[in-house]
Amino acid sequence: MAGLDGIIEPINFLITSIAFIFLSVVHYKKSGKTKETIYLSILSIIFLFSYLAIISVG
C-alpha cells in the first residue's frame, strides 16, 4: 500500500506484474489469443519493466 508520503513500494509492481501474467495465462487457456489476452500481457510487461526500473535506480 502507498503510505501517506506518496511512495509506492517496488514490490507492489512485482506482485501486480505476476498477477497480470497469471491472469493472461488463464485467459489464454480459456479463450485463446484475444484482445483481452494481449492487453493483459502488455500490462504485465509494463509493470515488470516498472519494477525493474525502480530497483535499478534505487
Protein backbone atom coordinates (compact mmCIF):
# COMPACT_ATOMS: atom_id res chain seq x y z
CA MET A 1 0.00 0.00 0.00
CA ALA A 2 1.08 3.56 -0.60
CA GLY A 3 1.95 5.43 2.52
CA LEU A 4 0.80 8.91 3.34
CA ASP A 5 4.01 10.28 1.81
CA GLY A 6 3.04 9.01 -1.66
CA ILE A 7 5.85 6.46 -2.06
CA ILE A 8 4.84 3.24 -3.79
CA GLU A 9 6.93 0.24 -2.82
CA PRO A 10 8.59 -1.64 -5.71
CA ILE A 11 7.23 -4.99 -4.52
CA ASN A 12 3.74 -3.79 -5.44
CA PHE A 13 4.80 -3.54 -9.09
CA LEU A 14 6.26 -7.06 -8.97
CA ILE A 15 3.14 -8.54 -7.37
CA THR A 16 0.89 -6.78 -9.88
CA SER A 17 3.03 -7.99 -12.77
CA ILE A 18 2.89 -11.59 -11.55
CA ALA A 19 -0.88 -11.30 -11.14
CA PHE A 20 -1.29 -9.98 -14.71
CA ILE A 21 0.92 -12.80 -16.02
CA PHE A 22 -1.24 -15.34 -14.19
CA LEU A 23 -4.45 -13.76 -15.49
CA SER A 24 -3.19 -13.63 -19.06
CA VAL A 25 -2.18 -17.32 -18.97
CA VAL A 26 -5.57 -18.34 -17.56
CA HIS A 27 -7.41 -16.17 -20.09
CA TYR A 28 -5.29 -17.51 -22.95
CA LYS A 29 -6.10 -21.10 -21.98
CA LYS A 30 -9.79 -20.28 -21.75
CA SER A 31 -10.31 -18.01 -24.76
CA GLY A 32 -7.22 -18.21 -26.91
CA LYS A 33 -5.47 -15.18 -28.36
CA THR A 34 -7.90 -12.29 -27.98
CA LYS A 35 -7.57 -8.56 -27.49
CA GLU A 36 -8.03 -9.01 -23.77
CA THR A 37 -5.20 -11.55 -23.56
CA ILE A 38 -2.88 -9.22 -25.44
CA TYR A 39 -3.92 -6.32 -23.19
CA LEU A 40 -3.20 -8.33 -20.02
CA SER A 41 0.16 -9.40 -21.41
CA ILE A 42 1.11 -5.81 -22.24
CA LEU A 43 0.10 -4.70 -18.74
CA SER A 44 2.24 -7.40 -17.19
CA ILE A 45 5.24 -6.32 -19.26
CA ILE A 46 4.73 -2.65 -18.34
CA PHE A 47 4.52 -3.42 -14.62
CA LEU A 48 7.54 -5.75 -14.81
CA PHE A 49 9.62 -3.08 -16.55
CA SER A 50 8.43 -0.53 -13.99
CA TYR A 51 9.60 -2.81 -11.20
CA LEU A 52 12.97 -3.35 -12.85
CA ALA A 53 13.38 0.39 -13.44
CA ILE A 54 12.62 1.22 -9.83
CA ILE A 55 15.01 -1.34 -8.35
CA SER A 56 17.79 -0.37 -10.76
CA VAL A 57 17.55 3.30 -9.75
CA GLY A 58 17.12 2.80 -6.04
